Amino acid sequence: MTAEIDCRGRVCPGPIIELAKALPGIAVGDVLAVVADDPAARHDVPAWCRMRGQEYVGEETADDGVPRYVVRRLS
């Protein structure tokens, strides 16, 4: 994991806005995780990746049980 952003307590579109702001800060090929407890993030993060040409790696679970959505920067 290259970087992780904590979006616990943020609702849509908060996690996606934070993802869009953070992605340019990592190198192409690196991964960024979005930890978000908003149920919409489960659909929003993969959709955002498809629309922006980034790779949605998948969903994991943070130590506290909150979903972690992993994105690889492709461009």
PDB file of N, CA and C in Angstrom:
ATOM      1  N   MET A   1       0.845  -1.168   0.000  1.00  0.00           N
ATOM      2  CA  MET A   1       0.000   0.000   0.000  1.00  0.00           C
ATOM      3  C   MET A   1       0.893   1.235   0.000  1.00  0.00           C
ATOM      4  N   THR A   2       0.760   2.080  -0.988  1.00  0.00           N
ATOM      5  CA  THR A   2       1.567   3.287  -1.066  1.00  0.00           C
ATOM      6  C   THR A   2       1.018   4.376  -0.153  1.00  0.00           C
ATOM      7  N   ALA A   3      -0.291   4.574  -0.201  1.00  0.00           N
ATOM      8  CA  ALA A   3      -0.913   5.626   0.603  1.00  0.00           C
ATOM      9  C   ALA A   3      -2.329   5.213   0.965  1.00  0.00           C
ATOM     10  N   GLU A   4      -2.835   5.810   2.036  1.00  0.00           N
ATOM     11  CA  GLU A   4      -4.196   5.521   2.476  1.00  0.00           C
ATOM     12  C   GLU A   4      -4.843   6.818   2.922  1.00  0.00           C
ATOM     13  N   ILE A   5      -6.109   7.001   2.510  1.00  0.00           N
ATOM     14  CA  ILE A   5      -6.843   8.168   2.984  1.00  0.00           C
ATOM     15  C   ILE A   5      -8.015   7.691   3.831  1.00  0.00           C
ATOM     16  N   ASP A   6      -8.232   8.379   4.922  1.00  0.00           N
ATOM     17  CA  ASP A   6      -9.266   8.018   5.883  1.00  0.00           C
ATOM     18  C   ASP A   6     -10.507   8.861   5.615  1.00  0.00           C
ATOM     19  N   CYS A   7     -11.548   8.220   5.129  1.00  0.00           N
ATOM     20  CA  CYS A   7     -12.806   8.909   4.838  1.00  0.00           C
ATOM     21  C   CYS A   7     -13.924   8.421   5.751  1.00  0.00           C
ATOM     22  N   ARG A   8     -13.571   7.856   6.897  1.00  0.00           N
ATOM     23  CA  ARG A   8     -14.596   7.430   7.857  1.00  0.00           C
ATOM     24  C   ARG A   8     -15.447   8.631   8.233  1.00  0.00           C
ATOM     25  N   GLY A   9     -16.755   8.417   8.246  1.00  0.00           N
ATOM     26  CA  GLY A   9     -17.675   9.485   8.617  1.00  0.00           C
ATOM     27  C   GLY A   9     -18.026  10.439   7.490  1.00  0.00           C
ATOM     28  N   ARG A  10     -17.399  10.293   6.342  1.00  0.00           N
ATOM     29  CA  ARG A  10     -17.699  11.163   5.191  1.00  0.00           C
ATOM     30  C   ARG A  10     -18.712  10.444   4.307  1.00  0.00           C
ATOM     31  N   VAL A  11     -19.698  11.180   3.849  1.00  0.00           N
ATOM     32  CA  VAL A  11     -20.708  10.591   2.962  1.00  0.00           C
ATOM     33  C   VAL A  11     -20.482  11.075   1.540  1.00  0.00           C
ATOM     34  N   CYS A  12     -21.125  10.387   0.628  1.00  0.00           N
ATOM     35  CA  CYS A  12     -21.037  10.685  -0.796  1.00  0.00           C
ATOM     36  C   CYS A  12     -21.351  12.160  -1.035  1.00  0.00           C
ATOM     37  N   PRO A  13     -20.542  12.837  -1.793  1.00  0.00           N
ATOM     38  CA  PRO A  13     -19.416  12.404  -2.616  1.00  0.00           C
ATOM     39  C   PRO A  13     -18.051  12.551  -1.943  1.00  0.00           C
ATOM     40  N   GLY A  14     -18.022  12.743  -0.632  1.00  0.00           N
ATOM     41  CA  GLY A  14     -16.770  12.986   0.088  1.00  0.00           C
ATOM     42  C   GLY A  14     -15.636  12.025  -0.216  1.00  0.00           C
ATOM     43  N   PRO A  15     -15.849  10.701  -0.098  1.00  0.00           N
ATOM     44  CA  PRO A  15     -14.737   9.785  -0.381  1.00  0.00           C
ATOM     45  C   PRO A  15     -14.196   9.893  -1.811  1.00  0.00           C
ATOM     46  N   ILE A  16     -15.062  10.144  -2.765  1.00  0.00           N
ATOM     47  CA  ILE A  16     -14.605  10.265  -4.161  1.00  0.00           C
ATOM     48  C   ILE A  16     -13.837  11.559  -4.367  1.00  0.00           C
ATOM     49  N   ILE A  17     -14.278  12.619  -3.751  1.00  0.00           N
ATOM     50  CA  ILE A  17     -13.553  13.889  -3.843  1.00  0.00           C
ATOM     51  C   ILE A  17     -12.153  13.734  -3.248  1.00  0.00           C
ATOM     52  N   GLU A  18     -12.067  13.078  -2.106  1.00  0.00           N
ATOM     53  CA  GLU A  18     -10.761  12.862  -1.473  1.00  0.00           C
ATOM     54  C   GLU A  18      -9.870  11.958  -2.328  1.00  0.00           C
ATOM     55  N   LEU A  19     -10.450  10.942  -2.938  1.00  0.00           N
ATOM     56  CA  LEU A  19      -9.702  10.074  -3.844  1.00  0.00           C
ATOM     57  C   LEU A  19      -9.145  10.878  -5.014  1.00  0.00           C
ATOM     58  N   ALA A  20      -9.979  11.689  -5.628  1.00  0.00           N
ATOM     59  CA  ALA A  20      -9.556  12.491  -6.782  1.00  0.00           C
ATOM     60  C   ALA A  20      -8.450  13.469  -6.401  1.00  0.00           C
ATOM     61  N   LYS A  21      -8.511  14.020  -5.201  1.00  0.00           N
ATOM     62  CA  LYS A  21      -7.484  14.960  -4.750  1.00  0.00           C
ATOM     63  C   LYS A  21      -6.171  14.251  -4.420  1.00  0.00           C
ATOM     64  N   ALA A  22      -6.248  13.032  -3.888  1.00  0.00           N
ATOM     65  CA  ALA A  22      -5.048  12.332  -3.429  1.00  0.00           C
ATOM     66  C   ALA A  22      -4.306  11.603  -4.540  1.00  0.00           C
ATOM     67  N   LEU A  23      -5.009  11.151  -5.564  1.00  0.00           N
ATOM     68  CA  LEU A  23      -4.380  10.315  -6.595  1.00  0.00           C
ATOM     69  C   LEU A  23      -3.182  10.987  -7.273  1.00  0.00           C
ATOM     70  N   PRO A  24      -3.233  12.274  -7.623  1.00  0.00           N
ATOM     71  CA  PRO A  24      -2.063  12.883  -8.256  1.00  0.00           C
ATOM     72  C   PRO A  24      -0.815  12.898  -7.371  1.00  0.00           C
ATOM     73  N   GLY A  25      -0.977  12.680  -6.081  1.00  0.00           N
ATOM     74  CA  GLY A  25       0.153  12.687  -5.159  1.00  0.00           C
ATOM     75  C   GLY A  25       0.925  11.387  -5.089  1.00  0.00           C
ATOM     76  N   ILE A  26       0.470  10.371  -5.815  1.00  0.00           N
ATOM     77  CA  ILE A  26       1.210   9.107  -5.840  1.00  0.00           C
ATOM     78  C   ILE A  26       1.696   8.850  -7.264  1.00  0.00           C
ATOM     79  N   ALA A  27       2.710   8.035  -7.382  1.00  0.00           N
ATOM     80  CA  ALA A  27       3.307   7.745  -8.690  1.00  0.00           C
ATOM     81  C   ALA A  27       2.441   6.768  -9.481  1.00  0.00           C
ATOM     82  N   VAL A  28       2.536   6.857 -10.798  1.00  0.00           N
ATOM     83  CA  VAL A  28       1.877   5.892 -11.674  1.00  0.00           C
ATOM     84  C   VAL A  28       2.379   4.497 -11.303  1.00  0.00           C
ATOM     85  N   GLY A  29       1.450   3.565 -11.132  1.00  0.00           N
ATOM     86  CA  GLY A  29       1.784   2.204 -10.742  1.00  0.00           C
ATOM     87  C   GLY A  29       1.619   1.946  -9.256  1.00  0.00           C
ATOM     88  N   ASP A  30       1.601   3.006  -8.452  1.00  0.00           N
ATOM     89  CA  ASP A  30       1.413   2.855  -7.011  1.00  0.00           C
ATOM     90  C   ASP A  30      -0.068   2.711  -6.683  1.00  0.00           C
ATOM     91  N   VAL A  31      -0.343   2.296  -5.462  1.00  0.00           N
ATOM     92  CA  VAL A  31      -1.728   2.093  -5.044  1.00  0.00           C
ATOM     93  C   VAL A  31      -2.101   3.036  -3.913  1.00  0.00           C
ATOM     94  N   LEU A  32      -3.383   3.362  -3.901  1.00  0.00           N
ATOM     95  CA  LEU A  32      -3.971   4.250  -2.906  1.00  0.00           C
ATOM     96  C   LEU A  32      -5.195   3.552  -2.348  1.00  0.00           C
ATOM     97  N   ALA A  33      -5.320   3.542  -1.036  1.00  0.00           N
ATOM     98  CA  ALA A  33      -6.481   2.927  -0.400  1.00  0.00           C
ATOM     99  C   ALA A  33      -7.378   4.020   0.163  1.00  0.00           C
ATOM    100  N   VAL A  34      -8.670   3.830  -0.007  1.00  0.00           N
ATOM    101  CA  VAL A  34      -9.684   4.729   0.549  1.00  0.00           C
ATOM    102  C   VAL A  34     -10.434   3.937   1.605  1.00  0.00           C
ATOM    103  N   VAL A  35     -10.317   4.356   2.865  1.00  0.00           N
ATOM    104  CA  VAL A  35     -11.049   3.710   3.950  1.00  0.00           C
ATOM    105  C   VAL A  35     -12.314   4.524   4.164  1.00  0.00           C
ATOM    106  N   ALA A  36     -13.474   3.899   3.911  1.00  0.00           N
ATOM    107  CA  ALA A  36     -14.735   4.635   3.968  1.00  0.00           C
ATOM    108  C   ALA A  36     -15.851   3.748   4.503  1.00  0.00           C
ATOM    109  N   ASP A  37     -16.627   4.301   5.433  1.00  0.00           N
ATOM    110  CA  ASP A  37     -17.763   3.559   5.988  1.00  0.00           C
ATOM    111  C   ASP A  37     -19.087   3.938   5.324  1.00  0.00           C
ATOM    112  N   ASP A  38     -19.039   4.812   4.323  1.00  0.00           N
ATOM    113  CA  ASP A  38     -20.241   5.165   3.562  1.00  0.00           C
ATOM    114  C   ASP A  38     -20.562   4.000   2.619  1.00  0.00           C
ATOM    115  N   PRO A  39     -21.739   3.396   2.737  1.00  0.00           N
ATOM    116  CA  PRO A  39     -22.078   2.251   1.874  1.00  0.00           C
ATOM    117  C   PRO A  39     -21.986   2.559   0.381  1.00  0.00           C
ATOM    118  N   ALA A  40     -22.203   3.804  -0.007  1.00  0.00           N
ATOM    119  CA  ALA A  40     -22.149   4.168  -1.424  1.00  0.00           C
ATOM    120  C   ALA A  40     -20.745   4.023  -1.998  1.00  0.00           C
ATOM    121  N   ALA A  41     -19.725   4.103  -1.162  1.00  0.00           N
ATOM    122  CA  ALA A  41     -18.342   4.004  -1.651  1.00  0.00           C
ATOM    123  C   ALA A  41     -18.083   2.663  -2.320  1.00  0.00           C
ATOM    124  N   ARG A  42     -18.777   1.621  -1.898  1.00  0.00           N
ATOM    125  CA  ARG A  42     -18.597   0.279  -2.485  1.00  0.00           C
ATOM    126  C   ARG A  42     -18.888   0.305  -3.995  1.00  0.00           C
ATOM    127  N   HIS A  43     -19.782   1.167  -4.422  1.00  0.00           N
ATOM    128  CA  HIS A  43     -20.121   1.288  -5.847  1.00  0.00           C
ATOM    129  C   HIS A  43     -19.414   2.479  -6.490  1.00  0.00           C
ATOM    130  N   ASP A  44     -19.250   3.548  -5.707  1.00  0.00           N
ATOM    131  CA  ASP A  44     -18.692   4.778  -6.258  1.00  0.00           C
ATOM    132  C   ASP A  44     -17.218   4.659  -6.633  1.00  0.00           C
ATOM    133  N   VAL A  45     -16.413   3.996  -5.800  1.00  0.00           N
ATOM    134  CA  VAL A  45     -14.978   3.913  -6.083  1.00  0.00           C
ATOM    135  C   VAL A  45     -14.718   3.126  -7.375  1.00  0.00           C
ATOM    136  N   PRO A  46     -15.285   1.922  -7.552  1.00  0.00           N
ATOM    137  CA  PRO A  46     -15.060   1.231  -8.831  1.00  0.00           C
ATOM    138  C   PRO A  46     -15.586   2.015 -10.041  1.00  0.00           C
ATOM    139  N   ALA A  47     -16.724   2.683  -9.885  1.00  0.00           N
ATOM    140  CA  ALA A  47     -17.281   3.467 -10.993  1.00  0.00           C
ATOM    141  C   ALA A  47     -16.359   4.631 -11.340  1.00  0.00           C
ATOM    142  N   TRP A  48     -15.834   5.288 -10.331  1.00  0.00           N
ATOM    143  CA  TRP A  48     -14.919   6.397 -10.561  1.00  0.00           C
ATOM    144  C   TRP A  48     -13.681   5.899 -11.304  1.00  0.00           C
ATOM    145  N   CYS A  49     -13.162   4.745 -10.893  1.00  0.00           N
ATOM    146  CA  CYS A  49     -11.986   4.181 -11.564  1.00  0.00           C
ATOM    147  C   CYS A  49     -12.255   3.909 -13.043  1.00  0.00           C
ATOM    148  N   ARG A  50     -13.407   3.332 -13.337  1.00  0.00           N
ATOM    149  CA  ARG A  50     -13.760   3.073 -14.750  1.00  0.00           C
ATOM    150  C   ARG A  50     -13.835   4.370 -15.534  1.00  0.00           C
ATOM    151  N   MET A  51     -14.448   5.386 -14.962  1.00  0.00           N
ATOM    152  CA  MET A  51     -14.613   6.660 -15.666  1.00  0.00           C
ATOM    153  C   MET A  51     -13.298   7.405 -15.832  1.00  0.00           C
ATOM    154  N   ARG A  52     -12.359   7.210 -14.909  1.00  0.00           N
ATOM    155  CA  ARG A  52     -11.094   7.953 -14.924  1.00  0.00           C
ATOM    156  C   ARG A  52      -9.913   7.144 -15.453  1.00  0.00           C
ATOM    157  N   GLY A  53     -10.173   5.900 -15.869  1.00  0.00           N
ATOM    158  CA  GLY A  53      -9.100   5.094 -16.442  1.00  0.00           C
ATOM    159  C   GLY A  53      -8.072   4.621 -15.425  1.00  0.00           C
ATOM    160  N   GLN A  54      -8.507   4.396 -14.208  1.00  0.00           N
ATOM    161  CA  GLN A  54      -7.633   3.876 -13.162  1.00  0.00           C
ATOM    162  C   GLN A  54      -8.049   2.443 -12.851  1.00  0.00           C
ATOM    163  N   GLU A  55      -7.189   1.688 -12.196  1.00  0.00           N
ATOM    164  CA  GLU A  55      -7.486   0.287 -11.902  1.00  0.00           C
ATOM    165  C   GLU A  55      -8.077   0.146 -10.502  1.00  0.00           C
ATOM    166  N   TYR A  56      -9.267  -0.427 -10.427  1.00  0.00           N
ATOM    167  CA  TYR A  56      -9.846  -0.769  -9.135  1.00  0.00           C
ATOM    168  C   TYR A  56      -9.293  -2.137  -8.763  1.00  0.00           C
ATOM    169  N   VAL A  57      -8.457  -2.197  -7.741  1.00  0.00           N
ATOM    170  CA  VAL A  57      -7.798  -3.438  -7.348  1.00  0.00           C
ATOM    171  C   VAL A  57      -8.747  -4.327  -6.562  1.00  0.00           C
ATOM    172  N   GLY A  58      -9.555  -3.712  -5.690  1.00  0.00           N
ATOM    173  CA  GLY A  58     -10.504  -4.497  -4.926  1.00  0.00           C
ATOM    174  C   GLY A  58     -10.771  -3.922  -3.555  1.00  0.00           C
ATOM    175  N   GLU A  59     -11.528  -4.678  -2.788  1.00  0.00           N
ATOM    176  CA  GLU A  59     -11.931  -4.260  -1.451  1.00  0.00           C
ATOM    177  C   GLU A  59     -11.239  -5.133  -0.413  1.00  0.00           C
ATOM    178  N   GLU A  60     -10.749  -4.485   0.619  1.00  0.00           N
ATOM    179  CA  GLU A  60     -10.149  -5.155   1.759  1.00  0.00           C
ATOM    180  C   GLU A  60     -10.887  -4.679   3.010  1.00  0.00           C
ATOM    181  N   THR A  61     -10.394  -5.058   4.168  1.00  0.00           N
ATOM    182  CA  THR A  61     -10.986  -4.605   5.416  1.00  0.00           C
ATOM    183  C   THR A  61      -9.898  -4.015   6.296  1.00  0.00           C
ATOM    184  N   ALA A  62     -10.127  -2.801   6.785  1.00  0.00           N
ATOM    185  CA  ALA A  62      -9.187  -2.171   7.716  1.00  0.00           C
ATOM    186  C   ALA A  62      -9.238  -2.908   9.052  1.00  0.00           C
ATOM    187  N   ASP A  63      -8.281  -2.637   9.900  1.00  0.00           N
ATOM    188  CA  ASP A  63      -8.188  -3.312  11.199  1.00  0.00           C
ATOM    189  C   ASP A  63      -9.455  -3.164  12.034  1.00  0.00           C
ATOM    190  N   ASP A  64     -10.166  -2.045  11.877  1.00  0.00           N
ATOM    191  CA  ASP A  64     -11.382  -1.818  12.660  1.00  0.00           C
ATOM    192  C   ASP A  64     -12.642  -2.314  11.962  1.00  0.00           C
ATOM    193  N   GLY A  65     -12.481  -3.041  10.842  1.00  0.00           N
ATOM    194  CA  GLY A  65     -13.621  -3.624  10.148  1.00  0.00           C
ATOM    195  C   GLY A  65     -14.240  -2.754   9.072  1.00  0.00           C
ATOM    196  N   VAL A  66     -13.734  -1.548   8.901  1.00  0.00           N
ATOM    197  CA  VAL A  66     -14.260  -0.637   7.880  1.00  0.00           C
ATOM    198  C   VAL A  66     -13.692  -1.042   6.517  1.00  0.00           C
ATOM    199  N   PRO A  67     -14.514  -0.978   5.479  1.00  0.00           N
ATOM    200  CA  PRO A  67     -14.017  -1.331   4.139  1.00  0.00           C
ATOM    201  C   PRO A  67     -12.885  -0.410   3.678  1.00  0.00           C
ATOM    202  N   ARG A  68     -11.939  -1.015   2.969  1.00  0.00           N
ATOM    203  CA  ARG A  68     -10.816  -0.290   2.371  1.00  0.00           C
ATOM    204  C   ARG A  68     -10.854  -0.612   0.881  1.00  0.00           C
ATOM    205  N   TYR A  69     -10.967   0.420   0.068  1.00  0.00           N
ATOM    206  CA  TYR A  69     -11.055   0.263  -1.388  1.00  0.00           C
ATOM    207  C   TYR A  69      -9.706   0.645  -1.991  1.00  0.00           C
ATOM    208  N   VAL A  70      -9.135  -0.267  -2.770  1.00  0.00           N
ATOM    209  CA  VAL A  70      -7.772  -0.098  -3.265  1.00  0.00           C
ATOM    210  C   VAL A  70      -7.790   0.245  -4.758  1.00  0.00           C
ATOM    211  N   VAL A  71      -7.042   1.297  -5.091  1.00  0.00           N
ATOM    212  CA  VAL A  71      -6.988   1.821  -6.456  1.00  0.00           C
ATOM    213  C   VAL A  71      -5.520   1.902  -6.877  1.00  0.00           C
ATOM    214  N   ARG A  72      -5.215   1.435  -8.097  1.00  0.00           N
ATOM    215  CA  ARG A  72      -3.868   1.581  -8.658  1.00  0.00           C
ATOM    216  C   ARG A  72      -3.899   2.712  -9.684  1.00  0.00           C
ATOM    217  N   ARG A  73      -2.951   3.630  -9.542  1.00  0.00           N
ATOM    218  CA  ARG A  73      -2.860   4.731 -10.505  1.00  0.00           C
ATOM    219  C   ARG A  73      -2.244   4.228 -11.800  1.00  0.00           C
ATOM    220  N   LEU A  74      -2.974   4.394 -12.897  1.00  0.00           N
ATOM    221  CA  LEU A  74      -2.489   3.956 -14.211  1.00  0.00           C
ATOM    222  C   LEU A  74      -2.000   5.111 -15.077  1.00  0.00           C
ATOM    223  N   SER A  75      -2.445   6.305 -14.771  1.00  0.00           N
ATOM    224  CA  SER A  75      -2.010   7.460 -15.577  1.00  0.00           C
ATOM    225  C   SER A  75      -1.996   8.709 -14.737  1.00  0.00           C
TER     226      SER A  75
END
